Amino acid sequence: VIRRINNVPPNESDIIYIGNAGTGNQGVGK
């Protein structure tokens, strides 16, 4: 999960991206 910690508008989430890795040939680090 990627989040931003500054400039988050009121009533908005700080989370900007949710992703997964490992179903193909790339893991989380990659």
PDB file of all heavy atoms in Angstrom:
ATOM      1  N   VAL A   1       0.861  -1.179   0.000  1.00  0.00           N
ATOM      2  CA  VAL A   1       0.000   0.000   0.000  1.00  0.00           C
ATOM      3  C   VAL A   1       0.898   1.230   0.000  1.00  0.00           C
ATOM      4  O   VAL A   1       1.897   1.275   0.718  1.00  0.00           O
ATOM      5  CB  VAL A   1      -0.921   0.010   1.245  1.00  0.00           C
ATOM      6  CG1 VAL A   1      -1.751   1.275   1.298  1.00  0.00           C
ATOM      7  CG2 VAL A   1      -1.808  -1.218   1.262  1.00  0.00           C
ATOM      8  N   ILE A   2       0.540   2.217  -0.812  1.00  0.00           N
ATOM      9  CA  ILE A   2       1.266   3.488  -0.872  1.00  0.00           C
ATOM     10  C   ILE A   2       0.338   4.570  -0.322  1.00  0.00           C
ATOM     11  O   ILE A   2      -0.840   4.618  -0.677  1.00  0.00           O
ATOM     12  CB  ILE A   2       1.645   3.866  -2.331  1.00  0.00           C
ATOM     13  CG1 ILE A   2       2.346   2.711  -3.045  1.00  0.00           C
ATOM     14  CG2 ILE A   2       2.472   5.149  -2.359  1.00  0.00           C
ATOM     15  CD1 ILE A   2       3.705   2.381  -2.563  1.00  0.00           C
ATOM     16  N   ARG A   3       0.888   5.419   0.536  1.00  0.00           N
ATOM     17  CA  ARG A   3       0.095   6.542   1.050  1.00  0.00           C
ATOM     18  C   ARG A   3       0.918   7.819   0.982  1.00  0.00           C
ATOM     19  O   ARG A   3       2.142   7.794   0.908  1.00  0.00           O
ATOM     20  CB  ARG A   3      -0.369   6.295   2.486  1.00  0.00           C
ATOM     21  CG  ARG A   3       0.713   6.466   3.529  1.00  0.00           C
ATOM     22  CD  ARG A   3       0.137   6.374   4.919  1.00  0.00           C
ATOM     23  NE  ARG A   3       1.173   6.569   5.924  1.00  0.00           N
ATOM     24  CZ  ARG A   3       0.955   6.585   7.211  1.00  0.00           C
ATOM     25  NH1 ARG A   3      -0.271   6.401   7.678  1.00  0.00           N
ATOM     26  NH2 ARG A   3       1.933   6.779   8.061  1.00  0.00           N
ATOM     27  N   ARG A   4       0.210   8.932   1.025  1.00  0.00           N
ATOM     28  CA  ARG A   4       0.866  10.235   1.127  1.00  0.00           C
ATOM     29  C   ARG A   4       0.603  10.763   2.529  1.00  0.00           C
ATOM     30  O   ARG A   4      -0.451  10.520   3.110  1.00  0.00           O
ATOM     31  CB  ARG A   4       0.370  11.204   0.066  1.00  0.00           C
ATOM     32  CG  ARG A   4      -1.110  11.480   0.083  1.00  0.00           C
ATOM     33  CD  ARG A   4      -1.489  12.363  -1.072  1.00  0.00           C
ATOM     34  NE  ARG A   4      -2.925  12.547  -1.151  1.00  0.00           N
ATOM     35  CZ  ARG A   4      -3.496  13.538  -1.771  1.00  0.00           C
ATOM     36  NH1 ARG A   4      -2.759  14.458  -2.364  1.00  0.00           N
ATOM     37  NH2 ARG A   4      -4.792  13.644  -1.824  1.00  0.00           N
ATOM     38  N   ILE A   5       1.576  11.499   3.066  1.00  0.00           N
ATOM     39  CA  ILE A   5       1.417  11.964   4.442  1.00  0.00           C
ATOM     40  C   ILE A   5       1.170  13.463   4.533  1.00  0.00           C
ATOM     41  O   ILE A   5       0.793  13.957   5.583  1.00  0.00           O
ATOM     42  CB  ILE A   5       2.611  11.554   5.324  1.00  0.00           C
ATOM     43  CG1 ILE A   5       3.926  12.068   4.762  1.00  0.00           C
ATOM     44  CG2 ILE A   5       2.652  10.050   5.483  1.00  0.00           C
ATOM     45  CD1 ILE A   5       5.113  11.845   5.676  1.00  0.00           C
ATOM     46  N   ASN A   6       1.362  14.188   3.451  1.00  0.00           N
ATOM     47  CA  ASN A   6       1.120  15.633   3.422  1.00  0.00           C
ATOM     48  C   ASN A   6       0.092  15.969   2.346  1.00  0.00           C
ATOM     49  O   ASN A   6      -0.095  15.221   1.395  1.00  0.00           O
ATOM     50  CB  ASN A   6       2.415  16.395   3.109  1.00  0.00           C
ATOM     51  CG  ASN A   6       3.481  16.139   4.148  1.00  0.00           C
ATOM     52  OD1 ASN A   6       3.237  16.188   5.342  1.00  0.00           O
ATOM     53  ND2 ASN A   6       4.688  15.835   3.684  1.00  0.00           N
ATOM     54  N   ASN A   7      -0.544  17.113   2.503  1.00  0.00           N
ATOM     55  CA  ASN A   7      -1.475  17.640   1.502  1.00  0.00           C
ATOM     56  C   ASN A   7      -2.663  16.724   1.227  1.00  0.00           C
ATOM     57  O   ASN A   7      -3.154  16.658   0.095  1.00  0.00           O
ATOM     58  CB  ASN A   7      -0.751  17.966   0.190  1.00  0.00           C
ATOM     59  CG  ASN A   7       0.385  18.933   0.388  1.00  0.00           C
ATOM     60  OD1 ASN A   7       0.245  19.915   1.119  1.00  0.00           O
ATOM     61  ND2 ASN A   7       1.515  18.657  -0.226  1.00  0.00           N
ATOM     62  N   VAL A   8      -3.111  16.010   2.239  1.00  0.00           N
ATOM     63  CA  VAL A   8      -4.283  15.148   2.083  1.00  0.00           C
ATOM     64  C   VAL A   8      -5.522  16.021   2.295  1.00  0.00           C
ATOM     65  O   VAL A   8      -5.708  16.583   3.369  1.00  0.00           O
ATOM     66  CB  VAL A   8      -4.270  13.984   3.094  1.00  0.00           C
ATOM     67  CG1 VAL A   8      -5.503  13.109   2.916  1.00  0.00           C
ATOM     68  CG2 VAL A   8      -2.991  13.164   2.954  1.00  0.00           C
ATOM     69  N   PRO A   9      -6.350  16.161   1.265  1.00  0.00           N
ATOM     70  CA  PRO A   9      -7.548  16.997   1.407  1.00  0.00           C
ATOM     71  C   PRO A   9      -8.488  16.450   2.480  1.00  0.00           C
ATOM     72  O   PRO A   9      -8.530  15.237   2.715  1.00  0.00           O
ATOM     73  CB  PRO A   9      -8.212  16.921   0.027  1.00  0.00           C
ATOM     74  CG  PRO A   9      -7.147  16.459  -0.896  1.00  0.00           C
ATOM     75  CD  PRO A   9      -6.230  15.610  -0.081  1.00  0.00           C
ATOM     76  N   PRO A  10      -9.265  17.344   3.112  1.00  0.00           N
ATOM     77  CA  PRO A  10     -10.249  16.880   4.089  1.00  0.00           C
ATOM     78  C   PRO A  10     -11.210  15.880   3.435  1.00  0.00           C
ATOM     79  O   PRO A  10     -11.540  15.996   2.260  1.00  0.00           O
ATOM     80  CB  PRO A  10     -11.000  18.155   4.486  1.00  0.00           C
ATOM     81  CG  PRO A  10     -10.118  19.283   4.069  1.00  0.00           C
ATOM     82  CD  PRO A  10      -9.291  18.792   2.925  1.00  0.00           C
ATOM     83  N   ASN A  11     -11.613  14.896   4.192  1.00  0.00           N
ATOM     84  CA  ASN A  11     -12.544  13.863   3.734  1.00  0.00           C
ATOM     85  C   ASN A  11     -11.982  12.988   2.612  1.00  0.00           C
ATOM     86  O   ASN A  11     -12.745  12.365   1.886  1.00  0.00           O
ATOM     87  CB  ASN A  11     -13.887  14.469   3.307  1.00  0.00           C
ATOM     88  CG  ASN A  11     -14.533  15.245   4.426  1.00  0.00           C
ATOM     89  OD1 ASN A  11     -14.513  14.819   5.573  1.00  0.00           O
ATOM     90  ND2 ASN A  11     -15.075  16.402   4.100  1.00  0.00           N
ATOM     91  N   GLU A  12     -10.668  12.985   2.429  1.00  0.00           N
ATOM     92  CA  GLU A  12     -10.017  12.104   1.457  1.00  0.00           C
ATOM     93  C   GLU A  12      -9.135  11.119   2.214  1.00  0.00           C
ATOM     94  O   GLU A  12      -8.649  11.413   3.305  1.00  0.00           O
ATOM     95  CB  GLU A  12      -9.141  12.907   0.488  1.00  0.00           C
ATOM     96  CG  GLU A  12      -9.906  13.751  -0.491  1.00  0.00           C
ATOM     97  CD  GLU A  12     -10.446  12.964  -1.668  1.00  0.00           C
ATOM     98  OE1 GLU A  12      -9.810  11.990  -2.091  1.00  0.00           O
ATOM     99  OE2 GLU A  12     -11.526  13.338  -2.152  1.00  0.00           O
ATOM    100  N   SER A  13      -8.891   9.971   1.641  1.00  0.00           N
ATOM    101  CA  SER A  13      -7.988   8.994   2.241  1.00  0.00           C
ATOM    102  C   SER A  13      -6.541   9.342   1.904  1.00  0.00           C
ATOM    103  O   SER A  13      -6.255   9.901   0.843  1.00  0.00           O
ATOM    104  CB  SER A  13      -8.308   7.593   1.707  1.00  0.00           C
ATOM    105  OG  SER A  13      -7.363   6.660   2.195  1.00  0.00           O
ATOM    106  N   ASP A  14      -5.642   8.987   2.790  1.00  0.00           N
ATOM    107  CA  ASP A  14      -4.215   9.155   2.507  1.00  0.00           C
ATOM    108  C   ASP A  14      -3.691   8.020   1.630  1.00  0.00           C
ATOM    109  O   ASP A  14      -2.634   8.133   1.030  1.00  0.00           O
ATOM    110  CB  ASP A  14      -3.406   9.246   3.804  1.00  0.00           C
ATOM    111  CG  ASP A  14      -3.556   8.033   4.697  1.00  0.00           C
ATOM    112  OD1 ASP A  14      -4.517   7.256   4.534  1.00  0.00           O
ATOM    113  OD2 ASP A  14      -2.706   7.844   5.600  1.00  0.00           O
ATOM    114  N   ILE A  15      -4.431   6.928   1.516  1.00  0.00           N
ATOM    115  CA  ILE A  15      -4.038   5.784   0.684  1.00  0.00           C
ATOM    116  C   ILE A  15      -4.238   6.154  -0.782  1.00  0.00           C
ATOM    117  O   ILE A  15      -5.340   6.523  -1.187  1.00  0.00           O
ATOM    118  CB  ILE A  15      -4.872   4.530   1.013  1.00  0.00           C
ATOM    119  CG1 ILE A  15      -4.760   4.153   2.487  1.00  0.00           C
ATOM    120  CG2 ILE A  15      -4.495   3.368   0.090  1.00  0.00           C
ATOM    121  CD1 ILE A  15      -3.402   3.750   2.954  1.00  0.00           C
ATOM    122  N   ILE A  16      -3.168   6.054  -1.578  1.00  0.00           N
ATOM    123  CA  ILE A  16      -3.299   6.387  -2.996  1.00  0.00           C
ATOM    124  C   ILE A  16      -3.153   5.168  -3.909  1.00  0.00           C
ATOM    125  O   ILE A  16      -3.498   5.239  -5.081  1.00  0.00           O
ATOM    126  CB  ILE A  16      -2.317   7.496  -3.427  1.00  0.00           C
ATOM    127  CG1 ILE A  16      -0.866   7.079  -3.237  1.00  0.00           C
ATOM    128  CG2 ILE A  16      -2.623   8.794  -2.700  1.00  0.00           C
ATOM    129  CD1 ILE A  16       0.151   8.008  -3.873  1.00  0.00           C
ATOM    130  N   TYR A  17      -2.648   4.039  -3.387  1.00  0.00           N
ATOM    131  CA  TYR A  17      -2.484   2.862  -4.241  1.00  0.00           C
ATOM    132  C   TYR A  17      -2.436   1.603  -3.395  1.00  0.00           C
ATOM    133  O   TYR A  17      -1.802   1.576  -2.336  1.00  0.00           O
ATOM    134  CB  TYR A  17      -1.201   2.960  -5.075  1.00  0.00           C
ATOM    135  CG  TYR A  17      -1.090   1.878  -6.104  1.00  0.00           C
ATOM    136  CD1 TYR A  17      -1.814   1.937  -7.287  1.00  0.00           C
ATOM    137  CD2 TYR A  17      -0.281   0.771  -5.906  1.00  0.00           C
ATOM    138  CE1 TYR A  17      -1.735   0.929  -8.229  1.00  0.00           C
ATOM    139  CE2 TYR A  17      -0.187  -0.243  -6.842  1.00  0.00           C
ATOM    140  CZ  TYR A  17      -0.922  -0.157  -8.004  1.00  0.00           C
ATOM    141  OH  TYR A  17      -0.849  -1.165  -8.938  1.00  0.00           O
ATOM    142  N   ILE A  18      -3.101   0.563  -3.876  1.00  0.00           N
ATOM    143  CA  ILE A  18      -3.035  -0.777  -3.294  1.00  0.00           C
ATOM    144  C   ILE A  18      -2.638  -1.710  -4.424  1.00  0.00           C
ATOM    145  O   ILE A  18      -3.241  -1.686  -5.500  1.00  0.00           O
ATOM    146  CB  ILE A  18      -4.398  -1.207  -2.710  1.00  0.00           C
ATOM    147  CG1 ILE A  18      -4.811  -0.262  -1.578  1.00  0.00           C
ATOM    148  CG2 ILE A  18      -4.328  -2.653  -2.219  1.00  0.00           C
ATOM    149  CD1 ILE A  18      -6.227  -0.490  -1.058  1.00  0.00           C
ATOM    150  N   GLY A  19      -1.593  -2.514  -4.197  1.00  0.00           N
ATOM    151  CA  GLY A  19      -1.124  -3.420  -5.235  1.00  0.00           C
ATOM    152  C   GLY A  19      -0.753  -4.778  -4.678  1.00  0.00           C
ATOM    153  O   GLY A  19      -0.643  -4.972  -3.469  1.00  0.00           O
ATOM    154  N   ASN A  20      -0.541  -5.728  -5.579  1.00  0.00           N
ATOM    155  CA  ASN A  20      -0.116  -7.063  -5.171  1.00  0.00           C
ATOM    156  C   ASN A  20       1.054  -7.502  -6.031  1.00  0.00           C
ATOM    157  O   ASN A  20       1.277  -6.968  -7.115  1.00  0.00           O
ATOM    158  CB  ASN A  20      -1.281  -8.055  -5.265  1.00  0.00           C
ATOM    159  CG  ASN A  20      -1.451  -8.653  -6.636  1.00  0.00           C
ATOM    160  OD1 ASN A  20      -0.744  -9.587  -6.998  1.00  0.00           O
ATOM    161  ND2 ASN A  20      -2.374  -8.123  -7.417  1.00  0.00           N
ATOM    162  N   ALA A  21       1.774  -8.468  -5.542  1.00  0.00           N
ATOM    163  CA  ALA A  21       2.900  -9.036  -6.290  1.00  0.00           C
ATOM    164  C   ALA A  21       3.044 -10.507  -5.921  1.00  0.00           C
ATOM    165  O   ALA A  21       2.783 -10.896  -4.794  1.00  0.00           O
ATOM    166  CB  ALA A  21       4.183  -8.289  -5.953  1.00  0.00           C
ATOM    167  N   GLY A  22       3.439 -11.283  -6.891  1.00  0.00           N
ATOM    168  CA  GLY A  22       3.696 -12.681  -6.618  1.00  0.00           C
ATOM    169  C   GLY A  22       2.876 -13.655  -7.415  1.00  0.00           C
ATOM    170  O   GLY A  22       3.086 -14.846  -7.342  1.00  0.00           O
ATOM    171  N   THR A  23       1.926 -13.152  -8.199  1.00  0.00           N
ATOM    172  CA  THR A  23       1.159 -14.071  -9.024  1.00  0.00           C
ATOM    173  C   THR A  23       1.870 -14.318 -10.349  1.00  0.00           C
ATOM    174  O   THR A  23       1.573 -15.266 -11.029  1.00  0.00           O
ATOM    175  CB  THR A  23      -0.266 -13.532  -9.300  1.00  0.00           C
ATOM    176  OG1 THR A  23      -0.165 -12.218  -9.823  1.00  0.00           O
ATOM    177  CG2 THR A  23      -1.081 -13.513  -8.021  1.00  0.00           C
ATOM    178  N   GLY A  24       2.820 -13.472 -10.689  1.00  0.00           N
ATOM    179  CA  GLY A  24       3.635 -13.658 -11.893  1.00  0.00           C
ATOM    180  C   GLY A  24       5.063 -13.934 -11.473  1.00  0.00           C
ATOM    181  O   GLY A  24       5.309 -14.658 -10.520  1.00  0.00           O
ATOM    182  N   ASN A  25       5.998 -13.304 -12.162  1.00  0.00           N
ATOM    183  CA  ASN A  25       7.403 -13.536 -11.844  1.00  0.00           C
ATOM    184  C   ASN A  25       8.012 -12.429 -10.981  1.00  0.00           C
ATOM    185  O   ASN A  25       9.209 -12.397 -10.794  1.00  0.00           O
ATOM    186  CB  ASN A  25       8.211 -13.699 -13.136  1.00  0.00           C
ATOM    187  CG  ASN A  25       8.184 -12.443 -13.990  1.00  0.00           C
ATOM    188  OD1 ASN A  25       7.455 -11.501 -13.712  1.00  0.00           O
ATOM    189  ND2 ASN A  25       8.975 -12.450 -15.051  1.00  0.00           N
ATOM    190  N   GLN A  26       7.203 -11.515 -10.482  1.00  0.00           N
ATOM    191  CA  GLN A  26       7.712 -10.418  -9.666  1.00  0.00           C
ATOM    192  C   GLN A  26       7.158 -10.495  -8.259  1.00  0.00           C
ATOM    193  O   GLN A  26       5.959 -10.681  -8.074  1.00  0.00           O
ATOM    194  CB  GLN A  26       7.332  -9.070 -10.274  1.00  0.00           C
ATOM    195  CG  GLN A  26       7.995  -8.789 -11.594  1.00  0.00           C
ATOM    196  CD  GLN A  26       7.730  -7.368 -12.042  1.00  0.00           C
ATOM    197  OE1 GLN A  26       7.392  -6.509 -11.264  1.00  0.00           O
ATOM    198  NE2 GLN A  26       7.911  -7.135 -13.325  1.00  0.00           N
ATOM    199  N   GLY A  27       8.032 -10.315  -7.284  1.00  0.00           N
ATOM    200  CA  GLY A  27       7.606 -10.219  -5.900  1.00  0.00           C
ATOM    201  C   GLY A  27       7.459  -8.756  -5.509  1.00  0.00           C
ATOM    202  O   GLY A  27       7.648  -7.839  -6.320  1.00  0.00           O
ATOM    203  N   VAL A  28       7.138  -8.523  -4.241  1.00  0.00           N
ATOM    204  CA  VAL A  28       6.909  -7.172  -3.751  1.00  0.00           C
ATOM    205  C   VAL A  28       8.150  -6.298  -3.923  1.00  0.00           C
ATOM    206  O   VAL A  28       8.061  -5.156  -4.384  1.00  0.00           O
ATOM    207  CB  VAL A  28       6.453  -7.184  -2.271  1.00  0.00           C
ATOM    208  CG1 VAL A  28       6.314  -5.777  -1.732  1.00  0.00           C
ATOM    209  CG2 VAL A  28       5.141  -7.937  -2.116  1.00  0.00           C
ATOM    210  N   GLY A  29       9.324  -6.824  -3.576  1.00  0.00           N
ATOM    211  CA  GLY A  29      10.553  -6.041  -3.721  1.00  0.00           C
ATOM    212  C   GLY A  29      10.793  -5.606  -5.155  1.00  0.00           C
ATOM    213  O   GLY A  29      11.156  -4.462  -5.424  1.00  0.00           O
ATOM    214  N   LYS A  30      10.566  -6.499  -6.091  1.00  0.00           N
ATOM    215  CA  LYS A  30      10.747  -6.188  -7.514  1.00  0.00           C
ATOM    216  C   LYS A  30       9.736  -5.139  -7.976  1.00  0.00           C
ATOM    217  O   LYS A  30      10.077  -4.191  -8.684  1.00  0.00           O
ATOM    218  CB  LYS A  30      10.603  -7.472  -8.329  1.00  0.00           C
ATOM    219  CG  LYS A  30      10.805  -7.297  -9.796  1.00  0.00           C
ATOM    220  CD  LYS A  30      12.258  -7.259 -10.159  1.00  0.00           C
ATOM    221  CE  LYS A  30      12.392  -7.351 -11.665  1.00  0.00           C
ATOM    222  NZ  LYS A  30      13.747  -7.254 -12.096  1.00  0.00           N
TER     223      LYS A  30
END
